[in-house]
């Protein structure tokens, strides 16, 4: 395996990375035209292991990401800033080109709101016509519960989980239509309060397929990605056309502690996802692990 010659920026401690971000962004803006665009997007789902997959792929000698960050959120919340702004966040083209003894380095980004935002797939198709997309799917009940803990810890949610689920339909009412009508609009509730809606995967995957084509979308089951083996990671490497990586087993990152979900609530929510999960199975051509 060729030696990894990239700068070790992704290995810096988080406070150091945050302190260096303004400097890196300034340099990136000046040199934007000489920078690469992503070959790979990890588009979601939120709280399904996107951070863990990003960190694991970052260890591959032929993969790199945005400077000092995981995601840029261009295709969802910052599209109005323009492609030059987006390009400024990535490595120089000269640093990712194929060299003697080293294959071309693939550039990736991970922003899990891309899967759910109604305009992201169309924008990706327009600006990254050759990019491939990886989606991780997790039991939607577990995903919703984890998302609530995550949004609460970040200060974006003040209601307990059951109440937040009760409020979801009212909070999201009309928000997707407004996002479609006004490309510059940002919806706080659509991004932070869609606990059940984000778990209805079939429609989101069909939208990706419509704009990108099925061959550019690779779907991974969360339970299989984190089964203690490198099997699914190897499949992702093959999908991306990468040489075999170091064979790492994906670890779990960005997890948050939370209390157990009451069995009655879990059963109720599992029933509510029955139709959506059936549609997913038809689209995917297989039964997801949480329904097996």
Protein backbone atom coordinates (compact mmCIF):
# COMPACT_ATOMS: atom_id res chain seq x y z
CA UNK A 1 0.00 0.00 0.00
CA UNK A 2 1.46 3.42 -0.93
CA UNK A 3 2.46 5.62 1.95
CA UNK A 4 -0.04 8.32 2.96
CA UNK A 5 1.72 11.59 2.13
CA UNK A 6 -1.15 13.96 2.84
CA UNK A 7 -0.89 16.59 5.59
CA UNK A 8 -2.06 15.20 8.92
CA UNK A 9 -4.72 17.91 9.38
CA UNK A 10 -7.49 15.36 9.93
CA UNK A 11 -5.56 14.00 12.91
CA UNK A 12 -5.42 17.32 14.78
CA UNK A 13 -7.44 17.69 17.98
CA UNK A 14 -10.89 19.25 17.48
CA UNK A 15 -10.10 22.55 19.33
CA UNK A 16 -6.99 23.00 17.17
CA UNK A 17 -8.96 22.35 13.99
CA UNK A 18 -11.61 24.88 15.00
CA UNK A 19 -8.97 27.50 15.73
CA UNK A 20 -7.37 26.95 12.32
CA UNK A 21 -10.63 27.00 10.33
CA UNK A 22 -10.72 30.77 9.60
CA UNK A 23 -7.15 30.67 8.28
CA UNK A 24 -7.81 27.56 6.18
CA UNK A 25 -11.03 29.02 4.77
CA UNK A 26 -9.26 32.24 3.85
CA UNK A 27 -6.50 30.43 2.00
CA UNK A 28 -9.06 28.19 0.32
CA UNK A 29 -11.05 31.14 -0.96
CA UNK A 30 -7.98 32.70 -2.58
CA UNK A 31 -7.00 29.42 -4.27
CA UNK A 32 -10.48 28.08 -5.02
CA UNK A 33 -10.01 27.63 -8.74
CA UNK A 34 -7.04 25.31 -8.12
CA UNK A 35 -8.94 23.02 -5.76
CA UNK A 36 -10.68 19.68 -6.27
CA UNK A 37 -14.37 18.88 -5.98
CA UNK A 38 -15.66 15.73 -4.25
CA UNK A 39 -15.81 12.32 -5.90
CA UNK A 40 -17.84 10.91 -3.00
CA UNK A 41 -20.62 12.23 -0.77
CA UNK A 42 -21.78 10.48 2.39
CA UNK A 43 -25.32 11.84 2.31
CA UNK A 44 -26.88 10.34 5.42
CA UNK A 45 -28.94 9.25 7.12
CA UNK A 46 -28.43 11.47 10.14
CA UNK A 47 -27.42 9.48 13.27
CA UNK A 48 -26.74 6.38 11.17
CA UNK A 49 -22.95 6.31 11.43
CA UNK A 50 -21.88 8.90 8.86
CA UNK A 51 -19.18 10.31 11.15
CA UNK A 52 -17.81 6.84 11.82
CA UNK A 53 -17.70 5.99 8.11
CA UNK A 54 -16.05 9.34 7.32
CA UNK A 55 -13.36 8.75 9.94
CA UNK A 56 -12.74 5.22 8.73
CA UNK A 57 -12.48 6.20 5.06
CA UNK A 58 -10.17 9.06 6.07
CA UNK A 59 -7.60 6.42 7.05
CA UNK A 60 -7.44 5.14 3.48
CA UNK A 61 -4.29 6.47 1.73
CA UNK A 62 -6.31 7.24 -1.42
CA UNK A 63 -9.12 9.20 0.27
CA UNK A 64 -9.22 12.70 1.72
CA UNK A 65 -11.90 15.14 2.82
CA UNK A 66 -12.55 18.85 3.29
CA UNK A 67 -9.86 20.81 5.06
CA UNK A 68 -10.29 20.51 8.84
CA UNK A 69 -13.95 19.45 8.72
CA UNK A 70 -16.27 16.57 7.89
CA UNK A 71 -19.02 18.37 5.99
CA UNK A 72 -19.59 21.68 4.24
CA UNK A 73 -23.41 21.66 3.94
CA UNK A 74 -23.28 23.28 0.52
CA UNK A 75 -26.02 21.30 -1.20
CA UNK A 76 -28.51 21.85 1.63
CA UNK A 77 -28.12 25.11 3.61
CA UNK A 78 -25.37 27.06 1.81
CA UNK A 79 -26.02 26.56 -1.88
CA UNK A 80 -26.51 30.28 -2.45
CA UNK A 81 -22.81 30.82 -1.68
CA UNK A 82 -21.85 29.34 -5.04
CA UNK A 83 -19.61 26.59 -6.36
CA UNK A 84 -16.39 28.60 -5.93
CA UNK A 85 -17.15 28.90 -2.19
CA UNK A 86 -17.74 25.15 -1.99
CA UNK A 87 -14.57 24.29 -3.88
CA UNK A 88 -12.53 26.44 -1.50
CA UNK A 89 -13.04 23.88 1.28
CA UNK A 90 -11.20 21.03 -0.49
CA UNK A 91 -7.56 20.10 -1.17
CA UNK A 92 -5.55 21.47 -4.05
CA UNK A 93 -5.84 19.52 -7.29
CA UNK A 94 -2.08 19.09 -7.32
CA UNK A 95 -2.24 17.19 -4.01
CA UNK A 96 -4.78 14.60 -5.17
CA UNK A 97 -3.53 13.81 -8.68
CA UNK A 98 -2.11 10.40 -9.43
CA UNK A 99 1.63 10.20 -8.84
CA UNK A 100 4.27 7.55 -9.27
CA UNK A 101 3.61 4.94 -6.62
CA UNK A 102 0.31 6.50 -5.51
CA UNK A 103 -3.16 6.32 -7.09
CA UNK A 104 -5.35 9.37 -7.52
CA UNK A 105 -6.72 10.46 -4.16
CA UNK A 106 -10.53 10.51 -4.01
CA UNK A 107 -12.11 13.51 -2.31
CA UNK A 108 -15.12 13.04 -0.05
CA UNK A 109 -17.55 15.06 2.02
CA UNK A 110 -20.18 14.01 4.57
CA UNK A 111 -23.29 16.11 5.26
CA UNK A 112 -26.20 13.91 6.41
CA UNK A 113 -28.86 16.54 5.69
CA UNK A 114 -28.20 15.98 1.96
CA UNK A 115 -30.39 12.87 1.99
CA UNK A 116 -33.41 14.65 3.44
CA UNK A 117 -33.21 18.13 1.89
CA UNK A 118 -35.62 18.21 -1.09
CA UNK A 119 -33.22 20.13 -3.39
CA UNK A 120 -29.91 18.46 -2.54
CA UNK A 121 -30.08 15.59 -5.04
CA UNK A 122 -30.89 17.93 -7.93
CA UNK A 123 -28.03 20.23 -6.94
CA UNK A 124 -25.56 17.37 -6.61
CA UNK A 125 -26.50 16.11 -10.08
CA UNK A 126 -25.94 19.59 -11.51
CA UNK A 127 -22.60 20.41 -9.86
CA UNK A 128 -20.99 16.98 -9.33
CA UNK A 129 -22.08 14.96 -12.38
CA UNK A 130 -19.60 12.15 -11.70
CA UNK A 131 -19.78 11.93 -7.91
CA UNK A 132 -20.95 8.81 -6.14
CA UNK A 133 -23.14 8.76 -3.06
CA UNK A 134 -23.13 6.49 -0.01
CA UNK A 135 -26.19 6.26 2.25
CA UNK A 136 -26.33 4.42 5.58
CA UNK A 137 -29.75 3.29 6.79
CA UNK A 138 -30.51 2.62 10.45
CA UNK A 139 -33.60 1.28 12.18
CA UNK A 140 -35.80 4.40 11.87
CA UNK A 141 -37.09 4.07 15.43
CA UNK A 142 -33.56 4.01 16.84
CA UNK A 143 -32.54 6.76 14.43
CA UNK A 144 -35.38 9.02 15.62
CA UNK A 145 -34.58 8.45 19.29
CA UNK A 146 -30.88 9.08 18.70
CA UNK A 147 -31.63 12.22 16.68
CA UNK A 148 -33.73 13.62 19.49
CA UNK A 149 -30.89 13.10 21.99
CA UNK A 150 -28.48 14.72 19.54
CA UNK A 151 -30.65 17.77 18.84
CA UNK A 152 -31.42 18.18 22.55
CA UNK A 153 -27.73 18.12 23.45
CA UNK A 154 -27.01 20.74 20.79
CA UNK A 155 -29.74 23.04 22.10
CA UNK A 156 -32.00 22.68 19.06
CA UNK A 157 -34.70 20.74 20.93
CA UNK A 158 -36.36 21.55 24.27
CA UNK A 159 -39.24 19.07 24.26
CA UNK A 160 -39.07 15.45 25.51
CA UNK A 161 -39.07 12.80 22.80
CA UNK A 162 -42.74 11.83 22.92
CA UNK A 163 -43.86 15.45 22.80
CA UNK A 164 -41.41 16.24 20.00
CA UNK A 165 -42.88 13.40 17.93
CA UNK A 166 -46.38 14.73 18.62
CA UNK A 167 -45.30 18.20 17.45
CA UNK A 168 -43.42 17.01 14.37
CA UNK A 169 -46.26 17.20 11.83
CA UNK A 170 -47.17 20.74 12.93
CA UNK A 171 -43.55 21.86 12.97
CA UNK A 172 -42.88 20.53 9.46
CA UNK A 173 -46.15 21.62 7.88
CA UNK A 174 -45.41 23.51 4.65
CA UNK A 175 -41.66 23.56 5.22
CA UNK A 176 -40.67 21.28 2.35
CA UNK A 177 -42.87 23.24 -0.06
CA UNK A 178 -41.24 26.47 1.06
CA UNK A 179 -37.75 25.00 0.61
CA UNK A 180 -38.69 24.00 -2.93
CA UNK A 181 -40.19 27.40 -3.73
CA UNK A 182 -37.41 29.50 -2.20
CA UNK A 183 -33.93 28.00 -2.78
CA UNK A 184 -32.42 30.45 -0.27
CA UNK A 185 -34.78 29.48 2.55
CA UNK A 186 -33.51 27.65 5.62
CA UNK A 187 -35.94 25.70 7.77
CA UNK A 188 -34.89 25.11 11.36
CA UNK A 189 -37.59 22.53 12.00
CA UNK A 190 -37.02 20.66 8.72
CA UNK A 191 -33.34 20.29 9.59
CA UNK A 192 -33.60 19.66 13.34
CA UNK A 193 -37.09 18.34 14.19
CA UNK A 194 -37.82 15.71 11.51
CA UNK A 195 -37.52 12.68 13.77
CA UNK A 196 -39.94 10.37 11.96
CA UNK A 197 -39.85 11.98 8.53
CA UNK A 198 -36.12 11.40 8.12
CA UNK A 199 -36.69 7.69 8.73
CA UNK A 200 -39.06 7.28 5.78
CA UNK A 201 -36.21 6.32 3.53
CA UNK A 202 -37.85 5.06 0.34
CA UNK A 203 -38.92 8.47 -0.97
CA UNK A 204 -35.50 9.97 -0.21
CA UNK A 205 -33.69 7.17 -2.03
CA UNK A 206 -36.07 7.38 -4.99
CA UNK A 207 -35.23 11.08 -5.26
CA UNK A 208 -31.49 10.32 -5.33
CA UNK A 209 -32.09 7.67 -7.98
CA UNK A 210 -34.16 10.06 -10.08
CA UNK A 211 -31.40 12.66 -10.27
CA UNK A 212 -28.22 10.59 -9.99
CA UNK A 213 -29.13 7.16 -11.30
CA UNK A 214 -29.19 3.95 -9.28
CA UNK A 215 -25.62 3.05 -10.26
CA UNK A 216 -24.21 6.09 -8.43
CA UNK A 217 -25.95 5.34 -5.12
CA UNK A 218 -24.65 2.74 -2.65
CA UNK A 219 -26.89 1.88 0.30
CA UNK A 220 -25.49 0.30 3.46
CA UNK A 221 -27.39 -1.24 6.38
CA UNK A 222 -26.16 0.26 9.67
CA UNK A 223 -26.24 -3.11 11.45
CA UNK A 224 -24.05 -4.67 8.77
CA UNK A 225 -21.59 -1.77 8.62
CA UNK A 226 -21.05 -2.06 12.37
CA UNK A 227 -21.06 -5.86 12.66
CA UNK A 228 -17.45 -5.97 13.83
CA UNK A 229 -16.00 -6.81 10.42
CA UNK A 230 -14.58 -4.80 7.51
CA UNK A 231 -16.90 -6.51 4.98
CA UNK A 232 -19.19 -3.56 4.24
CA UNK A 233 -16.31 -1.08 4.24
CA UNK A 234 -14.61 -3.23 1.58
CA UNK A 235 -17.81 -3.13 -0.48
CA UNK A 236 -17.82 0.67 -0.27
CA UNK A 237 -14.19 0.75 -1.41
CA UNK A 238 -15.08 -1.40 -4.42
CA UNK A 239 -18.06 0.85 -5.23
CA UNK A 240 -15.70 3.85 -5.23
CA UNK A 241 -13.09 2.09 -7.34
CA UNK A 242 -10.50 2.31 -4.57
CA UNK A 243 -7.60 -0.07 -4.04
CA UNK A 244 -8.00 -2.19 -0.91
CA UNK A 245 -7.56 -0.10 2.21
CA UNK A 246 -5.96 -0.94 5.55
CA UNK A 247 -8.83 -3.27 6.46
CA UNK A 248 -10.03 -1.26 9.44
CA UNK A 249 -13.22 -2.22 11.24
CA UNK A 250 -15.51 0.84 11.48
CA UNK A 251 -15.68 2.13 15.04
CA UNK A 252 -18.50 4.10 16.62
CA UNK A 253 -18.01 7.84 16.89
CA UNK A 254 -20.25 10.74 17.89
CA UNK A 255 -22.50 8.50 20.02
CA UNK A 256 -24.60 10.08 22.77
CA UNK A 257 -25.80 8.43 25.95
CA UNK A 258 -29.54 8.24 26.49
CA UNK A 259 -32.09 6.28 28.47
CA UNK A 260 -33.72 3.17 27.03
CA UNK A 261 -36.88 3.61 25.00
CA UNK A 262 -39.99 2.13 26.66
CA UNK A 263 -41.03 -1.11 24.95
CA UNK A 264 -44.57 0.16 24.34
CA UNK A 265 -43.30 3.28 22.60
CA UNK A 266 -40.88 1.27 20.49
CA UNK A 267 -43.69 -1.06 19.39
CA UNK A 268 -45.95 1.89 18.51
CA UNK A 269 -43.28 3.60 16.41
CA UNK A 270 -42.26 0.34 14.74
CA UNK A 271 -45.87 -0.06 13.61
CA UNK A 272 -45.90 3.49 12.29
CA UNK A 273 -42.91 2.72 10.08
CA UNK A 274 -44.35 -0.54 8.69
CA UNK A 275 -45.60 0.92 5.41
CA UNK A 276 -42.46 3.00 4.88
CA UNK A 277 -40.19 0.02 5.59
CA UNK A 278 -42.15 -2.11 3.14
CA UNK A 279 -41.65 0.56 0.45
CA UNK A 280 -37.94 0.62 1.30
CA UNK A 281 -37.69 -3.16 0.93
CA UNK A 282 -39.30 -2.93 -2.52
CA UNK A 283 -36.90 -0.18 -3.63
CA UNK A 284 -33.84 -1.88 -2.15
CA UNK A 285 -34.72 -5.40 -3.24
CA UNK A 286 -34.01 -6.76 0.24
CA UNK A 287 -35.39 -6.65 3.76
CA UNK A 288 -33.62 -4.17 6.06
CA UNK A 289 -32.00 -5.72 9.13
CA UNK A 290 -34.48 -4.19 11.58
CA UNK A 291 -37.33 -5.99 9.80
CA UNK A 292 -35.54 -9.28 9.11
